[in-house]
Amino acid sequence: MPYKLHFLNSIPVKLLPRISEIHLSDAGLLSKLGYPFVLRYFENAIKDERAFGFYAQDDETNEIMGFSLASPEPSSLTSKLTADKGWFIRNILKVIFTRPMAFLQMVISSITIRGQMYEPNTIECVYFTVDSKFRGRGLGRSLQKALMDEGRKRGYKKIYASVETWNIASLKATQANGFKIIKTFREGLYHRHRLESEL
């Protein structure tokens, strides 16, 4: 399975729907808000000068296999979803009426995330997600490791991550990259491990 990692901010915009589709297989809040929110999130993320990430692309087929994303201020990425008020109101009303628990979780998470960071010189591994057909081959670990290496180059000293307690594969990959669990906490419907690693 030969592949190359590319910087996420260099991805052609036409490939962002593929990133969004892969992300929808994730069980997190952003996926529960639905495709329009996922696509808008990644459109904003690749324009954010402080956020960075990678995507894996198969050498033979050019298929996108997975991606990773980090930010020193993850709440700023989420808050950009509200920048276009008309778009946000239209789409959040659909969520309220069709998936009210996702809306409630969004409110809880937006409060929780504010208290998780911001130590100087730290970043958050916001996402590392692999298409289901490429899982179990160490790709997620490589994508996360690329974030760590790039974070170190950019002068960051520490990286954090939150992983659902049930997500054993992500937890193992994260711990294999040197992360240690520092606490386990509830965030509304989610039960998560908080992890950190020196860079």
C-alpha atoms as a PDB file:
ATOM      1  CA  MET A   1       0.000   0.000   0.000  1.00  0.00           C
ATOM      2  CA  PRO A   2       2.406   2.743  -1.138  1.00  0.00           C
ATOM      3  CA  TYR A   3       1.169   6.257  -0.411  1.00  0.00           C
ATOM      4  CA  LYS A   4       2.420   9.789   0.070  1.00  0.00           C
ATOM      5  CA  LEU A   5       1.502  12.390   2.670  1.00  0.00           C
ATOM      6  CA  HIS A   6       0.710  15.879   1.402  1.00  0.00           C
ATOM      7  CA  PHE A   7      -0.002  19.083   3.305  1.00  0.00           C
ATOM      8  CA  LEU A   8      -3.746  19.452   3.790  1.00  0.00           C
ATOM      9  CA  ASN A   9      -3.689  23.168   2.997  1.00  0.00           C
ATOM     10  CA  SER A  10      -2.394  22.309  -0.501  1.00  0.00           C
ATOM     11  CA  ILE A  11      -5.278  19.962  -1.305  1.00  0.00           C
ATOM     12  CA  PRO A  12      -7.249  20.888  -4.437  1.00  0.00           C
ATOM     13  CA  VAL A  13     -10.642  22.264  -3.371  1.00  0.00           C
ATOM     14  CA  LYS A  14     -12.346  19.707  -5.623  1.00  0.00           C
ATOM     15  CA  LEU A  15     -11.009  16.948  -3.307  1.00  0.00           C
ATOM     16  CA  LEU A  16     -12.489  18.422  -0.117  1.00  0.00           C
ATOM     17  CA  PRO A  17     -15.765  16.516  -0.610  1.00  0.00           C
ATOM     18  CA  ARG A  18     -13.701  13.293  -0.398  1.00  0.00           C
ATOM     19  CA  ILE A  19     -12.114  14.461   2.867  1.00  0.00           C
ATOM     20  CA  SER A  20     -15.621  15.252   4.112  1.00  0.00           C
ATOM     21  CA  GLU A  21     -16.927  11.814   3.130  1.00  0.00           C
ATOM     22  CA  ILE A  22     -14.097  10.120   5.016  1.00  0.00           C
ATOM     23  CA  HIS A  23     -14.785  12.308   8.021  1.00  0.00           C
ATOM     24  CA  LEU A  24     -18.476  11.373   8.038  1.00  0.00           C
ATOM     25  CA  SER A  25     -17.440   7.839   9.050  1.00  0.00           C
ATOM     26  CA  ASP A  26     -16.101   9.352  12.279  1.00  0.00           C
ATOM     27  CA  ALA A  27     -18.565   9.136  15.165  1.00  0.00           C
ATOM     28  CA  GLY A  28     -17.783  12.609  16.517  1.00  0.00           C
ATOM     29  CA  LEU A  29     -19.957  15.677  16.796  1.00  0.00           C
ATOM     30  CA  LEU A  30     -18.958  17.331  13.525  1.00  0.00           C
ATOM     31  CA  SER A  31     -20.132  14.245  11.600  1.00  0.00           C
ATOM     32  CA  LYS A  32     -23.414  14.228  13.497  1.00  0.00           C
ATOM     33  CA  LEU A  33     -24.073  17.814  12.402  1.00  0.00           C
ATOM     34  CA  GLY A  34     -24.033  16.548   8.805  1.00  0.00           C
ATOM     35  CA  TYR A  35     -22.214  16.928   5.505  1.00  0.00           C
ATOM     36  CA  PRO A  36     -22.714  20.708   5.013  1.00  0.00           C
ATOM     37  CA  PHE A  37     -21.004  21.395   8.355  1.00  0.00           C
ATOM     38  CA  VAL A  38     -18.183  18.943   7.651  1.00  0.00           C
ATOM     39  CA  LEU A  39     -17.447  20.395   4.224  1.00  0.00           C
ATOM     40  CA  ARG A  40     -17.594  24.000   5.495  1.00  0.00           C
ATOM     41  CA  TYR A  41     -15.322  23.094   8.426  1.00  0.00           C
ATOM     42  CA  PHE A  42     -12.591  21.738   6.135  1.00  0.00           C
ATOM     43  CA  GLU A  43     -13.011  24.603   3.667  1.00  0.00           C
ATOM     44  CA  ASN A  44     -12.232  26.923   6.581  1.00  0.00           C
ATOM     45  CA  ALA A  45      -9.479  24.723   8.021  1.00  0.00           C
ATOM     46  CA  ILE A  46      -7.342  24.727   4.875  1.00  0.00           C
ATOM     47  CA  LYS A  47      -7.488  28.544   4.802  1.00  0.00           C
ATOM     48  CA  ASP A  48      -6.536  28.949   8.463  1.00  0.00           C
ATOM     49  CA  GLU A  49      -2.878  30.015   8.643  1.00  0.00           C
ATOM     50  CA  ARG A  50      -2.290  28.438  12.056  1.00  0.00           C
ATOM     51  CA  ALA A  51      -4.019  25.109  11.394  1.00  0.00           C
ATOM     52  CA  PHE A  52      -2.083  22.423   9.547  1.00  0.00           C
ATOM     53  CA  GLY A  53      -2.528  18.818   8.558  1.00  0.00           C
ATOM     54  CA  PHE A  54      -1.839  16.100   6.043  1.00  0.00           C
ATOM     55  CA  TYR A  55      -3.709  13.830   3.696  1.00  0.00           C
ATOM     56  CA  ALA A  56      -2.601  10.417   2.491  1.00  0.00           C
ATOM     57  CA  GLN A  57      -2.953   9.626  -1.193  1.00  0.00           C
ATOM     58  CA  ASP A  58      -2.499   6.202  -2.766  1.00  0.00           C
ATOM     59  CA  ASP A  59       0.452   6.238  -5.203  1.00  0.00           C
ATOM     60  CA  GLU A  60      -1.270   4.001  -7.743  1.00  0.00           C
ATOM     61  CA  THR A  61      -4.916   5.106  -7.691  1.00  0.00           C
ATOM     62  CA  ASN A  62      -4.549   8.666  -6.292  1.00  0.00           C
ATOM     63  CA  GLU A  63      -7.374   7.834  -3.910  1.00  0.00           C
ATOM     64  CA  ILE A  64      -7.445   9.841  -0.685  1.00  0.00           C
ATOM     65  CA  MET A  65      -6.999   7.385   2.157  1.00  0.00           C
ATOM     66  CA  GLY A  66      -7.166   9.557   5.264  1.00  0.00           C
ATOM     67  CA  PHE A  67      -6.165  12.860   6.794  1.00  0.00           C
ATOM     68  CA  SER A  68      -5.016  14.593   9.966  1.00  0.00           C
ATOM     69  CA  LEU A  69      -5.501  18.108  11.303  1.00  0.00           C
ATOM     70  CA  ALA A  70      -3.972  20.114  14.153  1.00  0.00           C
ATOM     71  CA  SER A  71      -4.503  23.615  15.503  1.00  0.00           C
ATOM     72  CA  PRO A  72      -3.192  25.712  18.386  1.00  0.00           C
ATOM     73  CA  GLU A  73      -6.754  26.983  18.857  1.00  0.00           C
ATOM     74  CA  PRO A  74      -9.341  24.384  17.788  1.00  0.00           C
ATOM     75  CA  SER A  75     -12.290  26.491  18.947  1.00  0.00           C
ATOM     76  CA  SER A  76     -11.386  29.101  16.316  1.00  0.00           C
ATOM     77  CA  LEU A  77     -11.954  26.515  13.569  1.00  0.00           C
ATOM     78  CA  THR A  78     -15.368  25.665  14.981  1.00  0.00           C
ATOM     79  CA  SER A  79     -16.344  29.307  15.446  1.00  0.00           C
ATOM     80  CA  LYS A  80     -15.716  29.978  11.750  1.00  0.00           C
ATOM     81  CA  LEU A  81     -18.783  27.862  10.997  1.00  0.00           C
ATOM     82  CA  THR A  82     -20.873  30.808  12.189  1.00  0.00           C
ATOM     83  CA  ALA A  83     -19.088  33.449  10.066  1.00  0.00           C
ATOM     84  CA  ASP A  84     -21.738  33.356   7.332  1.00  0.00           C
ATOM     85  CA  LYS A  85     -24.775  33.974   9.537  1.00  0.00           C
ATOM     86  CA  GLY A  86     -27.349  33.172   6.846  1.00  0.00           C
ATOM     87  CA  TRP A  87     -25.707  29.849   5.974  1.00  0.00           C
ATOM     88  CA  PHE A  88     -25.289  28.919   9.641  1.00  0.00           C
ATOM     89  CA  ILE A  89     -28.882  29.735  10.624  1.00  0.00           C
ATOM     90  CA  ARG A  90     -30.328  27.779   7.674  1.00  0.00           C
ATOM     91  CA  ASN A  91     -28.197  24.726   8.404  1.00  0.00           C
ATOM     92  CA  ILE A  92     -28.419  24.765  12.188  1.00  0.00           C
ATOM     93  CA  LEU A  93     -32.226  24.968  12.006  1.00  0.00           C
ATOM     94  CA  LYS A  94     -32.181  21.744   9.976  1.00  0.00           C
ATOM     95  CA  VAL A  95     -30.055  20.143  12.710  1.00  0.00           C
ATOM     96  CA  ILE A  96     -32.338  21.396  15.493  1.00  0.00           C
ATOM     97  CA  PHE A  97     -35.404  19.880  13.851  1.00  0.00           C
ATOM     98  CA  THR A  98     -33.865  16.651  12.530  1.00  0.00           C
ATOM     99  CA  ARG A  99     -31.080  15.886  15.038  1.00  0.00           C
ATOM    100  CA  PRO A 100     -31.813  17.820  18.246  1.00  0.00           C
ATOM    101  CA  MET A 101     -29.352  15.766  20.330  1.00  0.00           C
ATOM    102  CA  ALA A 102     -26.543  16.775  17.964  1.00  0.00           C
ATOM    103  CA  PHE A 103     -27.484  20.420  18.506  1.00  0.00           C
ATOM    104  CA  LEU A 104     -27.495  19.962  22.291  1.00  0.00           C
ATOM    105  CA  GLN A 105     -24.113  18.238  22.116  1.00  0.00           C
ATOM    106  CA  MET A 106     -22.769  21.123  20.018  1.00  0.00           C
ATOM    107  CA  VAL A 107     -23.701  23.577  22.772  1.00  0.00           C
ATOM    108  CA  ILE A 108     -22.090  21.381  25.460  1.00  0.00           C
ATOM    109  CA  SER A 109     -18.922  20.822  23.402  1.00  0.00           C
ATOM    110  CA  SER A 110     -18.520  24.508  22.554  1.00  0.00           C
ATOM    111  CA  ILE A 111     -18.453  25.263  26.282  1.00  0.00           C
ATOM    112  CA  THR A 112     -16.153  22.340  27.139  1.00  0.00           C
ATOM    113  CA  ILE A 113     -13.548  23.002  24.436  1.00  0.00           C
ATOM    114  CA  ARG A 114     -12.898  26.522  25.708  1.00  0.00           C
ATOM    115  CA  GLY A 115     -11.497  25.139  28.928  1.00  0.00           C
ATOM    116  CA  GLN A 116      -9.272  22.443  27.430  1.00  0.00           C
ATOM    117  CA  MET A 117      -6.332  24.513  26.244  1.00  0.00           C
ATOM    118  CA  TYR A 118      -4.559  27.145  25.637  1.00  0.00           C
ATOM    119  CA  GLU A 119      -1.180  26.743  27.094  1.00  0.00           C
ATOM    120  CA  PRO A 120       1.451  28.632  25.151  1.00  0.00           C
ATOM    121  CA  ASN A 121       3.323  26.624  22.514  1.00  0.00           C
ATOM    122  CA  THR A 122       0.795  23.766  22.388  1.00  0.00           C
ATOM    123  CA  ILE A 123      -1.360  22.302  19.640  1.00  0.00           C
ATOM    124  CA  GLU A 124      -4.388  20.047  19.512  1.00  0.00           C
ATOM    125  CA  CYS A 125      -4.586  16.971  17.293  1.00  0.00           C
ATOM    126  CA  VAL A 126      -8.098  17.847  16.199  1.00  0.00           C
ATOM    127  CA  TYR A 127      -8.630  14.901  13.832  1.00  0.00           C
ATOM    128  CA  PHE A 128      -6.875  11.940  12.305  1.00  0.00           C
ATOM    129  CA  THR A 129      -9.282   9.824  10.314  1.00  0.00           C
ATOM    130  CA  VAL A 130      -8.696   6.967   7.883  1.00  0.00           C
ATOM    131  CA  ASP A 131     -11.129   5.590   5.305  1.00  0.00           C
ATOM    132  CA  SER A 132     -12.524   2.298   6.636  1.00  0.00           C
ATOM    133  CA  LYS A 133     -11.004   0.241   3.814  1.00  0.00           C
ATOM    134  CA  PHE A 134      -7.489   1.419   4.715  1.00  0.00           C
ATOM    135  CA  ARG A 135      -7.692   0.929   8.466  1.00  0.00           C
ATOM    136  CA  GLY A 136      -5.553  -1.495  10.432  1.00  0.00           C
ATOM    137  CA  ARG A 137      -2.361  -0.760   8.487  1.00  0.00           C
ATOM    138  CA  GLY A 138      -0.803   1.967  10.634  1.00  0.00           C
ATOM    139  CA  LEU A 139      -1.916   4.849   8.410  1.00  0.00           C
ATOM    140  CA  GLY A 140      -3.662   6.721  11.239  1.00  0.00           C
ATOM    141  CA  ARG A 141      -0.532   6.526  13.341  1.00  0.00           C
ATOM    142  CA  SER A 142       1.541   7.901  10.426  1.00  0.00           C
ATOM    143  CA  LEU A 143      -0.876  10.765   9.850  1.00  0.00           C
ATOM    144  CA  GLN A 144      -0.789  11.718  13.519  1.00  0.00           C
ATOM    145  CA  LYS A 145       3.007  11.369  13.662  1.00  0.00           C
ATOM    146  CA  ALA A 146       3.269  13.773  10.714  1.00  0.00           C
ATOM    147  CA  LEU A 147       1.334  16.338  12.780  1.00  0.00           C
ATOM    148  CA  MET A 148       3.742  15.860  15.660  1.00  0.00           C
ATOM    149  CA  ASP A 149       6.811  16.273  13.445  1.00  0.00           C
ATOM    150  CA  GLU A 150       5.393  19.383  11.782  1.00  0.00           C
ATOM    151  CA  GLY A 151       4.338  20.825  15.139  1.00  0.00           C
ATOM    152  CA  ARG A 152       7.892  20.378  16.417  1.00  0.00           C
ATOM    153  CA  LYS A 153       9.258  22.159  13.314  1.00  0.00           C
ATOM    154  CA  ARG A 154       6.875  25.045  13.977  1.00  0.00           C
ATOM    155  CA  GLY A 155       8.193  25.436  17.506  1.00  0.00           C
ATOM    156  CA  TYR A 156       5.357  23.868  19.487  1.00  0.00           C
ATOM    157  CA  LYS A 157       6.389  22.045  22.655  1.00  0.00           C
ATOM    158  CA  LYS A 158       3.377  19.854  23.422  1.00  0.00           C
ATOM    159  CA  ILE A 159       0.428  18.246  21.636  1.00  0.00           C
ATOM    160  CA  TYR A 160      -2.943  17.246  23.063  1.00  0.00           C
ATOM    161  CA  ALA A 161      -5.664  14.916  21.815  1.00  0.00           C
ATOM    162  CA  SER A 162      -9.071  13.709  22.959  1.00  0.00           C
ATOM    163  CA  VAL A 163     -10.135  10.171  22.018  1.00  0.00           C
ATOM    164  CA  GLU A 164     -13.445   8.453  22.710  1.00  0.00           C
ATOM    165  CA  THR A 165     -12.998   5.719  25.325  1.00  0.00           C
ATOM    166  CA  TRP A 166     -14.592   3.143  22.995  1.00  0.00           C
ATOM    167  CA  ASN A 167     -12.247   3.982  20.080  1.00  0.00           C
ATOM    168  CA  ILE A 168      -9.546   1.443  20.907  1.00  0.00           C
ATOM    169  CA  ALA A 169      -7.823   1.680  17.497  1.00  0.00           C
ATOM    170  CA  SER A 170      -7.352   5.465  17.751  1.00  0.00           C
ATOM    171  CA  LEU A 171      -6.309   5.181  21.376  1.00  0.00           C
ATOM    172  CA  LYS A 172      -3.659   2.562  20.544  1.00  0.00           C
ATOM    173  CA  ALA A 173      -2.332   4.625  17.616  1.00  0.00           C
ATOM    174  CA  THR A 174      -2.167   7.735  19.794  1.00  0.00           C
ATOM    175  CA  GLN A 175      -0.402   5.941  22.633  1.00  0.00           C
ATOM    176  CA  ALA A 176       2.022   4.321  20.157  1.00  0.00           C
ATOM    177  CA  ASN A 177       2.992   7.873  19.170  1.00  0.00           C
ATOM    178  CA  GLY A 178       3.974   8.588  22.778  1.00  0.00           C
ATOM    179  CA  PHE A 179       0.788  10.154  24.141  1.00  0.00           C
ATOM    180  CA  LYS A 180      -0.169   9.523  27.774  1.00  0.00           C
ATOM    181  CA  ILE A 181      -3.678   9.675  29.227  1.00  0.00           C
ATOM    182  CA  ILE A 182      -3.889  12.581  31.651  1.00  0.00           C
ATOM    183  CA  LYS A 183      -7.600  12.353  32.446  1.00  0.00           C
ATOM    184  CA  THR A 184     -10.885  10.796  31.385  1.00  0.00           C
ATOM    185  CA  PHE A 185     -13.920  13.052  31.224  1.00  0.00           C
ATOM    186  CA  ARG A 186     -17.514  13.417  30.101  1.00  0.00           C
ATOM    187  CA  GLU A 187     -18.538  15.887  27.416  1.00  0.00           C
ATOM    188  CA  GLY A 188     -22.289  15.504  27.132  1.00  0.00           C
ATOM    189  CA  LEU A 189     -22.897  12.218  25.301  1.00  0.00           C
ATOM    190  CA  TYR A 190     -19.172  11.595  24.867  1.00  0.00           C
ATOM    191  CA  HIS A 191     -16.826   9.821  27.276  1.00  0.00           C
ATOM    192  CA  ARG A 192     -13.262  10.746  26.354  1.00  0.00           C
ATOM    193  CA  HIS A 193      -9.642  10.269  27.269  1.00  0.00           C
ATOM    194  CA  ARG A 194      -7.523  13.412  27.289  1.00  0.00           C
ATOM    195  CA  LEU A 195      -3.963  12.699  26.189  1.00  0.00           C
ATOM    196  CA  GLU A 196      -0.753  14.672  25.822  1.00  0.00           C
ATOM    197  CA  SER A 197       2.734  14.239  24.443  1.00  0.00           C
ATOM    198  CA  GLU A 198       5.873  16.322  24.473  1.00  0.00           C
ATOM    199  CA  LEU A 199       7.131  17.373  21.064  1.00  0.00           C
END
